[in-house]
Amino acid sequence: MEVDDIADALAERIGRQGYLLQRDRQFMFVIEEPVLWFRPFSAEVQREQLAHLLDVMTLPSVSLSIIPMRADRQGRRPRESFDITDSDLVTIEMLTGFLSLTHPDEIAAYVTAWEQLYSIAVRGRKARALIRDVLAALDEAAGSE
């Protein structure tokens, strides 16, 4: 990736953040707890990202659910990252681009997968506690260095 590509990608992501502030939209996210612990960058960057999640969770347009590592999976395995846009489109982010699904049967399969994952996820106070556990572990690790 060239420098200009990185700047363009960053500008696009920041622009997408504005959608979260639009009251006529609703965003429902489900993430796996290990994502919170994964640290491809510094502890400081991870801390900022986790704090951002806590802030975003307070927005009326956002619902963030987290599947705890200890959740009873009962056949509900992790899935590839996907987005369901209304009822007309599912996009799957891949290494080299996006796969767009528009066939009703394919969309229905992803809606079912999302419902299964959502059913074992925690929200609200419990989700915030999982995020705060990771923040506490970061602080503890920083204190022992």
N, C-alpha and C. Protein backbone atom coordinates (compact mmCIF):
# COMPACT_ATOMS: atom_id res chain seq x y z
N MET A 1 0.84 -1.17 0.00
CA MET A 1 0.00 0.00 0.00
C MET A 1 0.89 1.24 0.00
N GLU A 2 0.61 2.17 -0.87
CA GLU A 2 1.37 3.41 -0.91
C GLU A 2 0.83 4.38 0.12
N VAL A 3 1.62 5.41 0.42
CA VAL A 3 1.22 6.38 1.44
C VAL A 3 -0.12 7.03 1.11
N ASP A 4 -0.33 7.39 -0.16
CA ASP A 4 -1.60 8.01 -0.55
C ASP A 4 -2.77 7.07 -0.31
N ASP A 5 -2.56 5.75 -0.55
CA ASP A 5 -3.62 4.78 -0.33
C ASP A 5 -4.00 4.73 1.15
N ILE A 6 -3.02 4.79 2.02
CA ILE A 6 -3.28 4.75 3.46
C ILE A 6 -4.07 5.98 3.89
N ALA A 7 -3.67 7.15 3.41
CA ALA A 7 -4.38 8.38 3.75
C ALA A 7 -5.81 8.34 3.25
N ASP A 8 -6.01 7.84 2.04
CA ASP A 8 -7.37 7.74 1.49
C ASP A 8 -8.22 6.77 2.30
N ALA A 9 -7.62 5.62 2.66
CA ALA A 9 -8.36 4.62 3.45
C ALA A 9 -8.74 5.18 4.81
N LEU A 10 -7.82 5.91 5.44
CA LEU A 10 -8.09 6.50 6.74
C LEU A 10 -9.21 7.54 6.64
N ALA A 11 -9.16 8.37 5.61
CA ALA A 11 -10.20 9.39 5.41
C ALA A 11 -11.57 8.74 5.21
N GLU A 12 -11.59 7.63 4.47
CA GLU A 12 -12.85 6.93 4.24
C GLU A 12 -13.40 6.36 5.55
N ARG A 13 -12.54 5.76 6.36
CA ARG A 13 -13.00 5.19 7.64
C ARG A 13 -13.52 6.28 8.57
N ILE A 14 -12.83 7.40 8.63
CA ILE A 14 -13.28 8.50 9.49
C ILE A 14 -14.63 9.01 9.00
N GLY A 15 -14.78 9.09 7.67
CA GLY A 15 -16.06 9.52 7.10
C GLY A 15 -17.20 8.59 7.46
N ARG A 16 -16.91 7.29 7.49
CA ARG A 16 -17.94 6.31 7.85
C ARG A 16 -18.37 6.46 9.30
N GLN A 17 -17.46 6.94 10.16
CA GLN A 17 -17.81 7.12 11.58
C GLN A 17 -18.98 8.10 11.72
N GLY A 18 -19.09 9.06 10.80
CA GLY A 18 -20.18 10.03 10.86
C GLY A 18 -21.55 9.39 10.76
N TYR A 19 -21.64 8.26 10.08
CA TYR A 19 -22.92 7.56 9.97
C TYR A 19 -23.47 7.17 11.34
N LEU A 20 -22.58 6.87 12.27
CA LEU A 20 -23.01 6.45 13.60
C LEU A 20 -23.76 7.54 14.34
N LEU A 21 -23.55 8.78 13.94
CA LEU A 21 -24.19 9.90 14.61
C LEU A 21 -25.57 10.23 14.02
N GLN A 22 -25.92 9.60 12.93
CA GLN A 22 -27.21 9.86 12.29
C GLN A 22 -28.31 9.09 13.03
N ARG A 23 -29.25 9.83 13.57
CA ARG A 23 -30.29 9.22 14.41
C ARG A 23 -31.28 8.35 13.62
N ASP A 24 -31.34 8.54 12.31
CA ASP A 24 -32.28 7.74 11.51
C ASP A 24 -31.70 6.39 11.10
N ARG A 25 -30.51 6.08 11.59
CA ARG A 25 -29.87 4.80 11.27
C ARG A 25 -29.73 3.97 12.55
N GLN A 26 -29.65 2.67 12.37
CA GLN A 26 -29.44 1.76 13.50
C GLN A 26 -28.34 0.80 13.13
N PHE A 27 -27.34 0.68 13.99
CA PHE A 27 -26.21 -0.22 13.77
C PHE A 27 -26.14 -1.23 14.90
N MET A 28 -26.13 -2.49 14.54
CA MET A 28 -26.04 -3.55 15.53
C MET A 28 -24.79 -4.37 15.21
N PHE A 29 -23.84 -4.36 16.14
CA PHE A 29 -22.57 -5.05 15.95
C PHE A 29 -22.48 -6.24 16.89
N VAL A 30 -21.93 -7.32 16.39
CA VAL A 30 -21.62 -8.49 17.22
C VAL A 30 -20.15 -8.81 16.96
N ILE A 31 -19.36 -8.83 18.04
CA ILE A 31 -17.95 -9.18 17.90
C ILE A 31 -17.61 -10.28 18.88
N GLU A 32 -16.56 -11.00 18.59
CA GLU A 32 -16.07 -12.06 19.47
C GLU A 32 -15.12 -11.45 20.50
N GLU A 33 -15.16 -11.88 21.74
CA GLU A 33 -14.29 -11.35 22.79
C GLU A 33 -12.80 -11.40 22.43
N PRO A 34 -12.30 -12.46 21.78
CA PRO A 34 -10.87 -12.47 21.46
C PRO A 34 -10.42 -11.27 20.63
N VAL A 35 -11.34 -10.68 19.87
CA VAL A 35 -11.01 -9.48 19.10
C VAL A 35 -10.56 -8.35 20.03
N LEU A 36 -11.16 -8.29 21.22
CA LEU A 36 -10.79 -7.25 22.18
C LEU A 36 -9.36 -7.43 22.67
N TRP A 37 -8.93 -8.67 22.76
CA TRP A 37 -7.61 -8.99 23.31
C TRP A 37 -6.51 -8.93 22.26
N PHE A 38 -6.86 -9.09 21.00
CA PHE A 38 -5.88 -9.11 19.92
C PHE A 38 -5.21 -7.74 19.82
N ARG A 39 -3.87 -7.73 19.81
CA ARG A 39 -3.16 -6.44 19.80
C ARG A 39 -2.13 -6.40 18.67
N PRO A 40 -2.57 -6.01 17.47
CA PRO A 40 -1.62 -5.89 16.37
C PRO A 40 -0.77 -4.62 16.46
N PHE A 41 -1.15 -3.71 17.35
CA PHE A 41 -0.43 -2.45 17.52
C PHE A 41 -0.04 -2.29 18.99
N SER A 42 0.37 -1.12 19.37
CA SER A 42 0.83 -0.88 20.74
C SER A 42 -0.32 -0.95 21.74
N ALA A 43 0.04 -1.09 23.02
CA ALA A 43 -0.96 -1.10 24.09
C ALA A 43 -1.71 0.23 24.11
N GLU A 44 -1.01 1.32 23.81
CA GLU A 44 -1.66 2.64 23.80
C GLU A 44 -2.75 2.71 22.72
N VAL A 45 -2.44 2.19 21.55
CA VAL A 45 -3.43 2.18 20.46
C VAL A 45 -4.61 1.29 20.84
N GLN A 46 -4.33 0.13 21.42
CA GLN A 46 -5.40 -0.77 21.83
C GLN A 46 -6.28 -0.10 22.89
N ARG A 47 -5.65 0.58 23.83
CA ARG A 47 -6.39 1.28 24.88
C ARG A 47 -7.33 2.32 24.26
N GLU A 48 -6.83 3.08 23.29
CA GLU A 48 -7.66 4.09 22.61
C GLU A 48 -8.83 3.44 21.88
N GLN A 49 -8.57 2.31 21.22
CA GLN A 49 -9.64 1.62 20.50
C GLN A 49 -10.72 1.10 21.45
N LEU A 50 -10.29 0.54 22.57
CA LEU A 50 -11.26 0.03 23.55
C LEU A 50 -12.06 1.17 24.17
N ALA A 51 -11.40 2.28 24.46
CA ALA A 51 -12.11 3.45 24.99
C ALA A 51 -13.12 3.96 23.96
N HIS A 52 -12.73 3.91 22.70
CA HIS A 52 -13.65 4.34 21.63
C HIS A 52 -14.89 3.44 21.60
N LEU A 53 -14.69 2.13 21.77
CA LEU A 53 -15.84 1.23 21.81
C LEU A 53 -16.78 1.60 22.95
N LEU A 54 -16.22 1.88 24.13
CA LEU A 54 -17.06 2.28 25.26
C LEU A 54 -17.83 3.55 24.96
N ASP A 55 -17.20 4.49 24.27
CA ASP A 55 -17.88 5.74 23.90
C ASP A 55 -18.99 5.48 22.88
N VAL A 56 -18.68 4.70 21.85
CA VAL A 56 -19.64 4.44 20.78
C VAL A 56 -20.86 3.70 21.33
N MET A 57 -20.65 2.87 22.33
CA MET A 57 -21.77 2.11 22.92
C MET A 57 -22.83 3.02 23.52
N THR A 58 -22.48 4.26 23.83
CA THR A 58 -23.46 5.18 24.42
C THR A 58 -24.33 5.87 23.37
N LEU A 59 -23.98 5.73 22.10
CA LEU A 59 -24.77 6.37 21.04
C LEU A 59 -26.10 5.67 20.88
N PRO A 60 -27.18 6.43 20.71
CA PRO A 60 -28.50 5.79 20.56
C PRO A 60 -28.63 4.95 19.29
N SER A 61 -27.80 5.20 18.30
CA SER A 61 -27.89 4.46 17.04
C SER A 61 -27.07 3.17 17.05
N VAL A 62 -26.34 2.91 18.15
CA VAL A 62 -25.41 1.77 18.18
C VAL A 62 -25.77 0.77 19.26
N SER A 63 -25.75 -0.50 18.86
CA SER A 63 -25.88 -1.61 19.80
C SER A 63 -24.66 -2.50 19.57
N LEU A 64 -23.83 -2.63 20.60
CA LEU A 64 -22.64 -3.47 20.50
C LEU A 64 -22.81 -4.68 21.41
N SER A 65 -22.71 -5.85 20.81
CA SER A 65 -22.82 -7.11 21.55
C SER A 65 -21.50 -7.85 21.42
N ILE A 66 -21.12 -8.56 22.48
CA ILE A 66 -19.86 -9.29 22.48
C ILE A 66 -20.13 -10.74 22.86
N ILE A 67 -19.58 -11.65 22.07
CA ILE A 67 -19.70 -13.07 22.39
C ILE A 67 -18.54 -13.42 23.31
N PRO A 68 -18.83 -13.72 24.58
CA PRO A 68 -17.76 -14.05 25.52
C PRO A 68 -17.01 -15.32 25.11
N MET A 69 -15.73 -15.38 25.46
CA MET A 69 -14.93 -16.57 25.14
C MET A 69 -15.52 -17.82 25.78
N ARG A 70 -16.19 -17.65 26.91
CA ARG A 70 -16.73 -18.81 27.63
C ARG A 70 -18.19 -19.11 27.28
N ALA A 71 -18.70 -18.46 26.25
CA ALA A 71 -20.09 -18.69 25.85
C ALA A 71 -20.28 -20.14 25.39
N ASP A 72 -21.44 -20.69 25.69
CA ASP A 72 -21.80 -22.02 25.23
C ASP A 72 -22.13 -21.92 23.74
N ARG A 73 -21.24 -22.40 22.90
CA ARG A 73 -21.37 -22.20 21.45
C ARG A 73 -22.42 -23.12 20.83
N GLN A 74 -22.59 -24.33 21.32
CA GLN A 74 -23.60 -25.27 20.81
C GLN A 74 -23.80 -25.16 19.29
N GLY A 75 -22.72 -25.36 18.54
CA GLY A 75 -22.82 -25.35 17.08
C GLY A 75 -22.78 -23.97 16.46
N ARG A 76 -22.64 -22.96 17.25
CA ARG A 76 -22.57 -21.60 16.72
C ARG A 76 -21.10 -21.20 16.61
N ARG A 77 -20.51 -21.56 15.52
CA ARG A 77 -19.07 -21.33 15.35
C ARG A 77 -18.81 -19.90 14.89
N PRO A 78 -17.58 -19.43 15.08
CA PRO A 78 -17.23 -18.10 14.55
C PRO A 78 -17.41 -18.09 13.03
N ARG A 79 -17.74 -16.95 12.52
CA ARG A 79 -17.96 -16.77 11.08
C ARG A 79 -16.99 -15.72 10.56
N GLU A 80 -16.88 -15.67 9.24
CA GLU A 80 -16.11 -14.59 8.64
C GLU A 80 -16.82 -13.27 8.94
N SER A 81 -16.08 -12.19 8.86
CA SER A 81 -16.67 -10.88 9.11
C SER A 81 -17.63 -10.54 7.97
N PHE A 82 -18.84 -10.15 8.33
CA PHE A 82 -19.81 -9.78 7.30
C PHE A 82 -20.71 -8.67 7.80
N ASP A 83 -21.25 -7.92 6.84
CA ASP A 83 -22.17 -6.82 7.13
C ASP A 83 -23.47 -7.09 6.40
N ILE A 84 -24.58 -6.89 7.11
CA ILE A 84 -25.90 -7.00 6.50
C ILE A 84 -26.44 -5.58 6.38
N THR A 85 -26.71 -5.17 5.15
CA THR A 85 -27.23 -3.84 4.89
C THR A 85 -28.71 -3.98 4.55
N ASP A 86 -29.56 -3.50 5.45
CA ASP A 86 -31.00 -3.66 5.26
C ASP A 86 -31.30 -5.13 4.94
N SER A 87 -32.12 -5.37 3.92
CA SER A 87 -32.43 -6.77 3.57
C SER A 87 -32.00 -7.08 2.15
N ASP A 88 -31.20 -6.18 1.56
CA ASP A 88 -30.85 -6.33 0.15
C ASP A 88 -29.40 -6.70 -0.12
N LEU A 89 -28.54 -6.62 0.89
CA LEU A 89 -27.12 -6.80 0.62
C LEU A 89 -26.37 -7.34 1.83
N VAL A 90 -25.51 -8.31 1.59
CA VAL A 90 -24.54 -8.78 2.58
C VAL A 90 -23.17 -8.59 1.94
N THR A 91 -22.25 -7.96 2.67
CA THR A 91 -20.89 -7.83 2.16
C THR A 91 -19.95 -8.58 3.11
N ILE A 92 -18.99 -9.22 2.50
CA ILE A 92 -17.99 -9.98 3.24
C ILE A 92 -16.64 -9.39 2.89
N GLU A 93 -15.93 -8.92 3.91
CA GLU A 93 -14.62 -8.34 3.65
C GLU A 93 -13.60 -9.46 3.52
N MET A 94 -12.89 -9.43 2.41
CA MET A 94 -11.88 -10.45 2.14
C MET A 94 -10.51 -9.77 2.06
N LEU A 95 -9.49 -10.54 1.93
CA LEU A 95 -8.14 -10.02 1.88
C LEU A 95 -7.96 -9.00 0.76
N THR A 96 -8.52 -9.27 -0.41
CA THR A 96 -8.28 -8.42 -1.58
C THR A 96 -9.48 -7.57 -1.99
N GLY A 97 -10.53 -7.57 -1.23
CA GLY A 97 -11.70 -6.76 -1.59
C GLY A 97 -12.94 -7.24 -0.86
N PHE A 98 -14.08 -6.92 -1.41
CA PHE A 98 -15.35 -7.28 -0.81
C PHE A 98 -16.12 -8.21 -1.73
N LEU A 99 -16.83 -9.14 -1.12
CA LEU A 99 -17.76 -10.00 -1.83
C LEU A 99 -19.15 -9.47 -1.50
N SER A 100 -19.94 -9.18 -2.50
CA SER A 100 -21.30 -8.65 -2.30
C SER A 100 -22.31 -9.72 -2.67
N LEU A 101 -23.19 -10.04 -1.72
CA LEU A 101 -24.23 -11.04 -1.94
C LEU A 101 -25.58 -10.34 -2.00
N THR A 102 -26.36 -10.66 -3.03
CA THR A 102 -27.68 -10.03 -3.18
C THR A 102 -28.79 -11.05 -3.35
N HIS A 103 -28.45 -12.31 -3.52
CA HIS A 103 -29.48 -13.33 -3.70
C HIS A 103 -30.20 -13.54 -2.37
N PRO A 104 -31.53 -13.55 -2.38
CA PRO A 104 -32.30 -13.69 -1.13
C PRO A 104 -31.92 -14.90 -0.27
N ASP A 105 -31.63 -16.05 -0.88
CA ASP A 105 -31.25 -17.24 -0.10
C ASP A 105 -29.92 -17.03 0.62
N GLU A 106 -28.96 -16.38 -0.06
CA GLU A 106 -27.67 -16.12 0.58
C GLU A 106 -27.82 -15.11 1.71
N ILE A 107 -28.62 -14.09 1.49
CA ILE A 107 -28.86 -13.10 2.53
C ILE A 107 -29.53 -13.75 3.73
N ALA A 108 -30.51 -14.62 3.47
CA ALA A 108 -31.21 -15.32 4.56
C ALA A 108 -30.25 -16.18 5.37
N ALA A 109 -29.28 -16.82 4.72
CA ALA A 109 -28.31 -17.64 5.43
C ALA A 109 -27.48 -16.77 6.38
N TYR A 110 -27.10 -15.59 5.95
CA TYR A 110 -26.31 -14.71 6.82
C TYR A 110 -27.16 -14.08 7.93
N VAL A 111 -28.41 -13.81 7.65
CA VAL A 111 -29.30 -13.32 8.71
C VAL A 111 -29.44 -14.39 9.79
N THR A 112 -29.60 -15.63 9.39
CA THR A 112 -29.70 -16.74 10.35
C THR A 112 -28.41 -16.86 11.16
N ALA A 113 -27.27 -16.79 10.49
CA ALA A 113 -25.98 -16.87 11.20
C ALA A 113 -25.85 -15.73 12.19
N TRP A 114 -26.25 -14.52 11.78
CA TRP A 114 -26.16 -13.36 12.67
C TRP A 114 -27.08 -13.55 13.88
N GLU A 115 -28.28 -14.01 13.67
CA GLU A 115 -29.22 -14.24 14.77
C GLU A 115 -28.67 -15.27 15.76
N GLN A 116 -28.03 -16.31 15.25
CA GLN A 116 -27.44 -17.33 16.13
C GLN A 116 -26.32 -16.73 16.98
N LEU A 117 -25.46 -15.96 16.35
CA LEU A 117 -24.35 -15.35 17.09
C LEU A 117 -24.87 -14.31 18.09
N TYR A 118 -25.84 -13.52 17.67
CA TYR A 118 -26.42 -12.49 18.54
C TYR A 118 -27.05 -13.12 19.78
N SER A 119 -27.63 -14.31 19.61
CA SER A 119 -28.33 -14.96 20.73
C SER A 119 -27.39 -15.37 21.86
N ILE A 120 -26.09 -15.53 21.58
CA ILE A 120 -25.17 -15.94 22.64
C ILE A 120 -24.27 -14.78 23.09
N ALA A 121 -24.51 -13.60 22.54
CA ALA A 121 -23.70 -12.43 22.88
C ALA A 121 -24.30 -11.69 24.07
N VAL A 122 -23.43 -10.95 24.76
CA VAL A 122 -23.90 -10.12 25.88
C VAL A 122 -23.89 -8.66 25.42
N ARG A 123 -24.71 -7.86 26.08
CA ARG A 123 -24.86 -6.46 25.73
C ARG A 123 -24.82 -5.62 27.00
N GLY A 124 -24.84 -4.32 26.82
CA GLY A 124 -24.95 -3.41 27.95
C GLY A 124 -23.84 -3.56 28.97
N ARG A 125 -24.24 -3.66 30.23
CA ARG A 125 -23.30 -3.72 31.36
C ARG A 125 -22.30 -4.86 31.21
N LYS A 126 -22.78 -6.03 30.78
CA LYS A 126 -21.89 -7.19 30.65
C LYS A 126 -20.86 -6.98 29.53
N ALA A 127 -21.27 -6.38 28.43
CA ALA A 127 -20.34 -6.11 27.34
C ALA A 127 -19.30 -5.08 27.77
N ARG A 128 -19.76 -4.03 28.47
CA ARG A 128 -18.81 -3.01 28.95
C ARG A 128 -17.81 -3.63 29.94
N ALA A 129 -18.27 -4.58 30.75
CA ALA A 129 -17.37 -5.24 31.71
C ALA A 129 -16.28 -6.02 30.98
N LEU A 130 -16.62 -6.68 29.87
CA LEU A 130 -15.60 -7.41 29.11
C LEU A 130 -14.55 -6.45 28.57
N ILE A 131 -14.99 -5.31 28.07
CA ILE A 131 -14.05 -4.31 27.54
C ILE A 131 -13.18 -3.76 28.68
N ARG A 132 -13.80 -3.50 29.81
CA ARG A 132 -13.03 -2.97 30.96
C ARG A 132 -12.03 -4.00 31.49
N ASP A 133 -12.35 -5.29 31.39
CA ASP A 133 -11.39 -6.33 31.79
C ASP A 133 -10.12 -6.26 30.93
N VAL A 134 -10.29 -6.04 29.65
CA VAL A 134 -9.13 -5.93 28.76
C VAL A 134 -8.33 -4.67 29.10
N LEU A 135 -9.04 -3.57 29.34
CA LEU A 135 -8.35 -2.33 29.73
C LEU A 135 -7.57 -2.53 31.02
N ALA A 136 -8.16 -3.21 31.99
CA ALA A 136 -7.47 -3.46 33.27
C ALA A 136 -6.23 -4.33 33.04
N ALA A 137 -6.33 -5.32 32.17
CA ALA A 137 -5.16 -6.17 31.88
C ALA A 137 -4.05 -5.36 31.21
N LEU A 138 -4.43 -4.43 30.35
CA LEU A 138 -3.42 -3.56 29.73
C LEU A 138 -2.72 -2.70 30.77
N ASP A 139 -3.52 -2.14 31.70
CA ASP A 139 -2.95 -1.31 32.75
C ASP A 139 -2.04 -2.13 33.66
N GLU A 140 -2.47 -3.35 33.97
CA GLU A 140 -1.67 -4.23 34.83
C GLU A 140 -0.35 -4.59 34.15
N ALA A 141 -0.41 -4.89 32.85
CA ALA A 141 0.80 -5.22 32.11
C ALA A 141 1.75 -4.02 32.04
N ALA A 142 1.19 -2.83 31.90
CA ALA A 142 2.02 -1.61 31.84
C ALA A 142 2.68 -1.35 33.19
N GLY A 143 2.00 -1.69 34.29
CA GLY A 143 2.55 -1.49 35.62
C GLY A 143 3.66 -2.46 35.96
N SER A 144 3.67 -3.61 35.29
CA SER A 144 4.70 -4.60 35.60
C SER A 144 5.92 -4.48 34.70
N GLU A 145 5.87 -3.55 33.75
CA GLU A 145 7.01 -3.37 32.85
C GLU A 145 8.10 -2.54 33.47
